[in-house]
Amino acid sequence: MAGATRGIGQGFVRALLQRDWNVYASYRDFAGAGTLNALTAAFPGQLHLLQLDLADEPSIVAAVAILRQHLDEPLELALCCAGLLHEGGQLPEKSLAQLSADWLQRSMAVNALGPLLLLKHLHPLLVQHTASQFAVVSARVGSISENQLGGWYSYRASKAALNMLMKTAAIEMTRRFPHMQLLCLHPGTTSTDLSEPFSKRVAPEKLFTVERSVRQLLKVLDDARNGPSGRFLSWDGSEVPW
């Protein structure tokens, strides 16, 4: 589980622990690991923590090496929930004039390249399972065909890039490892730190709690198992147009 310290990622950790799964959850730095440390005490022997920075490939390599040493059964499910929409004073761009090359590059590094590098190094552990899944939390605003409003250049582009990279990888993985499934997931607008600056404009019935989003996405994953790889699925199981 990458991106497990907050929001949907931490929600997945809690839900899978309640299913009695063994969970390996990552944190980027020690400051963000506090809640996960508390969960390790609540679920002794079930939750294992790994330090991992998706923007740093050597960090991914080191975390996967530790995971390989500790796994006592094939890896069944990998989830990448990391996402960057705003940071500090940097908000999504409303116009081209607000575009920053540095911010676009950082968004691409975290939202698109990081998950792909995680797949690069993690898939040898997943293919040992007879029906494994690698899923990334994407966003509907990454759909090119559905873009009617514009704006949010870096976030839209990085999520569209993520979708393309996962689709491309799914084609290769299907040829080499047909028992491994890759999926992009749209969770709907969820009440998290990521969406908080923009959630006031969302109708209450369309703003999901973390628990609801995770419950819905786990059902999507369960229903999709053994189906076609390389799909972009929404929280209700419908396919999102690329």
Protein backbone atom coordinates (compact mmCIF):
# COMPACT_ATOMS: atom_id res chain seq x y z
CA MET A 1 0.00 0.00 0.00
CA ALA A 2 1.66 3.20 -1.17
CA GLY A 3 0.31 6.50 0.11
CA ALA A 4 -1.07 4.97 3.30
CA THR A 5 -0.62 7.74 5.84
CA ARG A 6 -3.84 9.65 5.18
CA GLY A 7 -7.13 9.81 3.31
CA ILE A 8 -8.17 6.94 1.07
CA GLY A 9 -4.86 5.13 1.52
CA GLN A 10 -5.22 4.95 5.27
CA GLY A 11 -8.86 3.99 4.80
CA PHE A 12 -7.77 1.02 2.70
CA VAL A 13 -5.29 0.00 5.40
CA ARG A 14 -8.00 -0.01 8.06
CA ALA A 15 -10.49 -1.88 5.87
CA LEU A 16 -8.01 -4.59 4.86
CA LEU A 17 -6.86 -5.06 8.44
CA GLN A 18 -10.49 -5.56 9.41
CA ARG A 19 -10.63 -8.26 6.73
CA ASP A 20 -7.77 -9.97 8.59
CA TRP A 21 -5.28 -9.33 5.79
CA ASN A 22 -1.58 -8.88 6.34
CA VAL A 23 -0.91 -5.33 5.16
CA TYR A 24 2.37 -3.68 4.19
CA ALA A 25 1.84 0.09 4.27
CA SER A 26 4.30 2.78 3.28
CA TYR A 27 5.06 6.20 4.66
CA ARG A 28 7.26 8.88 3.09
CA ASP A 29 8.78 10.27 6.29
CA PHE A 30 8.61 9.54 10.00
CA ALA A 31 6.47 12.62 10.67
CA GLY A 32 3.63 11.08 8.68
CA ALA A 33 3.80 7.62 10.22
CA GLY A 34 2.14 8.44 13.55
CA THR A 35 -1.34 7.04 12.86
CA LEU A 36 0.10 3.98 11.16
CA ASN A 37 2.23 3.30 14.23
CA ALA A 38 -0.92 3.38 16.34
CA LEU A 39 -2.56 0.87 13.99
CA THR A 40 0.39 -1.53 14.31
CA ALA A 41 -0.38 -1.68 18.04
CA ALA A 42 -4.08 -2.24 17.40
CA PHE A 43 -3.39 -5.01 14.85
CA PRO A 44 -0.24 -6.75 16.12
CA GLY A 45 1.44 -8.90 13.51
CA GLN A 46 -0.90 -7.77 10.72
CA LEU A 47 0.41 -4.32 9.80
CA HIS A 48 3.98 -3.82 8.65
CA LEU A 49 5.43 -0.40 7.81
CA LEU A 50 7.84 0.48 5.02
CA GLN A 51 9.51 3.80 4.28
CA LEU A 52 8.97 4.68 0.63
CA ASP A 53 9.08 7.90 -1.39
CA LEU A 54 7.42 7.53 -4.80
CA ALA A 55 9.46 10.44 -6.13
CA ASP A 56 12.72 8.60 -5.36
CA GLU A 57 13.35 5.36 -7.26
CA PRO A 58 16.13 4.09 -4.92
CA SER A 59 13.62 4.42 -2.07
CA ILE A 60 11.16 2.23 -3.99
CA VAL A 61 13.86 -0.34 -4.71
CA ALA A 62 14.85 -0.48 -1.03
CA ALA A 63 11.25 -0.84 0.17
CA VAL A 64 10.50 -3.63 -2.30
CA ALA A 65 13.67 -5.46 -1.24
CA ILE A 66 12.54 -5.36 2.40
CA LEU A 67 9.05 -6.51 1.37
CA ARG A 68 10.53 -9.43 -0.56
CA GLN A 69 12.46 -10.55 2.51
CA HIS A 70 9.40 -10.54 4.76
CA LEU A 71 6.68 -11.95 2.50
CA ASP A 72 5.78 -15.51 3.42
CA GLU A 73 3.13 -15.88 0.68
CA PRO A 74 2.59 -14.41 -2.82
CA LEU A 75 1.49 -10.78 -2.96
CA GLU A 76 -2.19 -10.62 -3.96
CA LEU A 77 -3.02 -6.90 -4.08
CA ALA A 78 -1.00 -3.71 -4.44
CA LEU A 79 -2.62 -0.30 -4.13
CA CYS A 80 -1.09 3.06 -4.94
CA CYS A 81 -3.14 5.84 -3.35
CA ALA A 82 -0.59 8.65 -3.47
CA GLY A 83 -1.80 11.83 -5.12
CA LEU A 84 -0.75 15.46 -5.35
CA LEU A 85 -3.31 18.19 -6.12
CA HIS A 86 -2.05 21.06 -3.99
CA GLU A 87 0.87 21.65 -1.64
CA GLY A 88 1.65 24.56 0.62
CA GLY A 89 0.49 27.68 -1.23
CA GLN A 90 0.39 25.93 -4.60
CA LEU A 91 -3.17 25.30 -5.79
CA PRO A 92 -4.45 23.84 -9.08
CA GLU A 93 -4.04 26.29 -11.96
CA LYS A 94 -7.15 28.17 -13.03
CA SER A 95 -5.44 29.58 -16.11
CA LEU A 96 -2.41 29.04 -18.31
CA ALA A 97 -0.82 32.13 -16.78
CA GLN A 98 -0.56 30.26 -13.46
CA LEU A 99 1.33 27.32 -14.96
CA SER A 100 4.67 26.52 -13.33
CA ALA A 101 7.13 24.14 -14.92
CA ASP A 102 8.38 23.04 -11.51
CA TRP A 103 4.85 22.27 -10.28
CA LEU A 104 3.96 20.37 -13.44
CA GLN A 105 7.12 18.30 -13.14
CA ARG A 106 6.47 17.56 -9.47
CA SER A 107 2.87 16.56 -10.21
CA MET A 108 4.08 14.22 -12.94
CA ALA A 109 6.72 12.72 -10.65
CA VAL A 110 4.27 11.92 -7.86
CA ASN A 111 1.03 11.20 -9.73
CA ALA A 112 2.32 9.40 -12.82
CA LEU A 113 5.97 8.34 -12.72
CA GLY A 114 5.93 7.21 -9.09
CA PRO A 115 3.17 4.62 -9.52
CA LEU A 116 4.82 3.33 -12.71
CA LEU A 117 8.16 2.90 -10.95
CA LEU A 118 6.37 1.10 -8.12
CA LEU A 119 4.87 -1.30 -10.67
CA LYS A 120 8.27 -1.76 -12.32
CA HIS A 121 9.87 -2.99 -9.12
CA LEU A 122 6.86 -4.64 -7.44
CA HIS A 123 5.38 -6.73 -10.24
CA PRO A 124 7.83 -9.66 -9.79
CA LEU A 125 6.20 -10.23 -6.39
CA LEU A 126 2.66 -9.90 -7.75
CA VAL A 127 3.08 -12.36 -10.61
CA GLN A 128 3.80 -15.14 -8.13
CA HIS A 129 0.10 -15.05 -7.17
CA THR A 130 -2.45 -16.84 -9.35
CA ALA A 131 -4.79 -13.82 -9.63
CA SER A 132 -3.12 -10.61 -8.44
CA GLN A 133 -4.17 -6.97 -8.81
CA PHE A 134 -2.23 -3.72 -9.05
CA ALA A 135 -4.54 -0.72 -8.74
CA VAL A 136 -3.88 3.00 -8.73
CA VAL A 137 -6.19 5.73 -7.51
CA SER A 138 -6.64 8.01 -10.50
CA ALA A 139 -9.23 10.76 -11.02
CA ARG A 140 -12.04 11.40 -13.46
CA VAL A 141 -10.50 14.78 -14.31
CA GLY A 142 -7.74 12.76 -16.00
CA SER A 143 -10.24 11.74 -18.69
CA ILE A 144 -9.37 13.64 -21.88
CA SER A 145 -12.73 13.02 -23.52
CA GLU A 146 -14.68 14.29 -20.50
CA ASN A 147 -12.68 17.50 -20.05
CA GLN A 148 -15.26 20.25 -20.56
CA LEU A 149 -14.09 22.81 -17.99
CA GLY A 150 -10.33 23.15 -18.54
CA GLY A 151 -8.02 24.37 -15.80
CA TRP A 152 -6.08 22.22 -13.33
CA TYR A 153 -3.36 21.72 -15.95
CA SER A 154 -0.84 19.83 -13.81
CA TYR A 155 -3.31 17.57 -12.04
CA ARG A 156 -5.29 16.73 -15.18
CA ALA A 157 -2.15 16.07 -17.20
CA SER A 158 -0.50 13.93 -14.52
CA LYS A 159 -3.62 11.80 -14.02
CA ALA A 160 -4.07 11.42 -17.79
CA ALA A 161 -0.42 10.37 -17.97
CA LEU A 162 -0.98 7.90 -15.13
CA ASN A 163 -3.90 6.37 -17.02
CA MET A 164 -1.87 6.04 -20.22
CA LEU A 165 1.09 4.51 -18.40
CA MET A 166 -1.11 1.95 -16.63
CA LYS A 167 -2.95 1.10 -19.86
CA THR A 168 0.36 0.61 -21.65
CA ALA A 169 1.77 -1.50 -18.83
CA ALA A 170 -1.43 -3.58 -18.74
CA ILE A 171 -0.92 -4.53 -22.39
CA GLU A 172 2.62 -5.74 -21.67
CA MET A 173 1.62 -7.51 -18.44
CA THR A 174 -1.30 -9.29 -20.15
CA ARG A 175 1.11 -10.73 -22.71
CA ARG A 176 3.64 -11.83 -20.13
CA PHE A 177 1.53 -12.46 -17.03
CA PRO A 178 -2.16 -12.89 -17.96
CA HIS A 179 -3.05 -13.69 -14.34
CA MET A 180 -2.06 -10.17 -13.20
CA GLN A 181 -4.59 -7.36 -13.48
CA LEU A 182 -3.92 -3.60 -13.63
CA LEU A 183 -6.69 -1.11 -12.87
CA CYS A 184 -7.13 2.66 -12.58
CA LEU A 185 -9.78 3.69 -10.04
CA HIS A 186 -11.84 6.86 -9.71
CA PRO A 187 -13.01 7.13 -6.08
CA GLY A 188 -15.46 9.99 -6.53
CA THR A 189 -15.02 13.21 -4.55
CA THR A 190 -13.95 12.09 -1.09
CA SER A 191 -13.68 14.18 2.05
CA THR A 192 -9.89 14.24 2.51
CA ASP A 193 -7.11 16.79 2.87
CA LEU A 194 -6.64 16.59 -0.90
CA SER A 195 -10.21 17.67 -1.71
CA GLU A 196 -10.83 19.93 1.31
CA PRO A 197 -10.12 23.29 -0.43
CA PHE A 198 -12.72 22.47 -3.10
CA SER A 199 -15.33 20.34 -1.30
CA LYS A 200 -17.60 23.27 -0.40
CA ARG A 201 -18.74 23.36 -4.02
CA VAL A 202 -19.67 19.66 -3.99
CA ALA A 203 -23.24 18.63 -3.22
CA PRO A 204 -23.37 16.75 0.11
CA GLU A 205 -24.73 13.58 -1.51
CA LYS A 206 -21.75 13.57 -3.92
CA LEU A 207 -19.10 14.06 -1.23
CA PHE A 208 -18.14 10.63 0.10
CA THR A 209 -16.59 9.78 3.44
CA VAL A 210 -13.31 7.92 3.29
CA GLU A 211 -15.03 4.82 4.67
CA ARG A 212 -17.67 4.90 1.93
CA SER A 213 -15.12 5.46 -0.85
CA VAL A 214 -12.97 2.59 0.36
CA ARG A 215 -15.96 0.27 0.73
CA GLN A 216 -17.08 1.09 -2.82
CA LEU A 217 -13.61 0.68 -4.33
CA LEU A 218 -13.03 -2.65 -2.59
CA LYS A 219 -16.28 -3.88 -4.14
CA VAL A 220 -15.07 -2.66 -7.54
CA LEU A 221 -11.82 -4.57 -7.06
CA ASP A 222 -13.65 -7.72 -5.93
CA ASP A 223 -16.08 -7.56 -8.86
CA ALA A 224 -13.29 -6.87 -11.37
CA ARG A 225 -11.07 -9.76 -10.27
CA ASN A 226 -10.25 -12.17 -13.12
CA GLY A 227 -11.75 -9.70 -15.61
CA PRO A 228 -9.93 -7.70 -18.31
CA SER A 229 -6.87 -5.75 -17.31
CA GLY A 230 -6.13 -2.14 -18.19
CA ARG A 231 -9.49 -0.56 -17.33
CA PHE A 232 -10.40 2.81 -15.78
CA LEU A 233 -13.23 2.09 -13.34
CA SER A 234 -15.35 4.48 -11.31
CA TRP A 235 -16.51 3.95 -7.73
CA ASP A 236 -19.80 2.44 -8.97
CA GLY A 237 -18.08 -0.09 -11.25
CA SER A 238 -18.77 1.79 -14.49
CA GLU A 239 -15.95 2.42 -16.97
CA VAL A 240 -14.64 5.97 -17.22
CA PRO A 241 -13.88 7.15 -20.78
CA TRP A 242 -10.20 7.69 -21.43
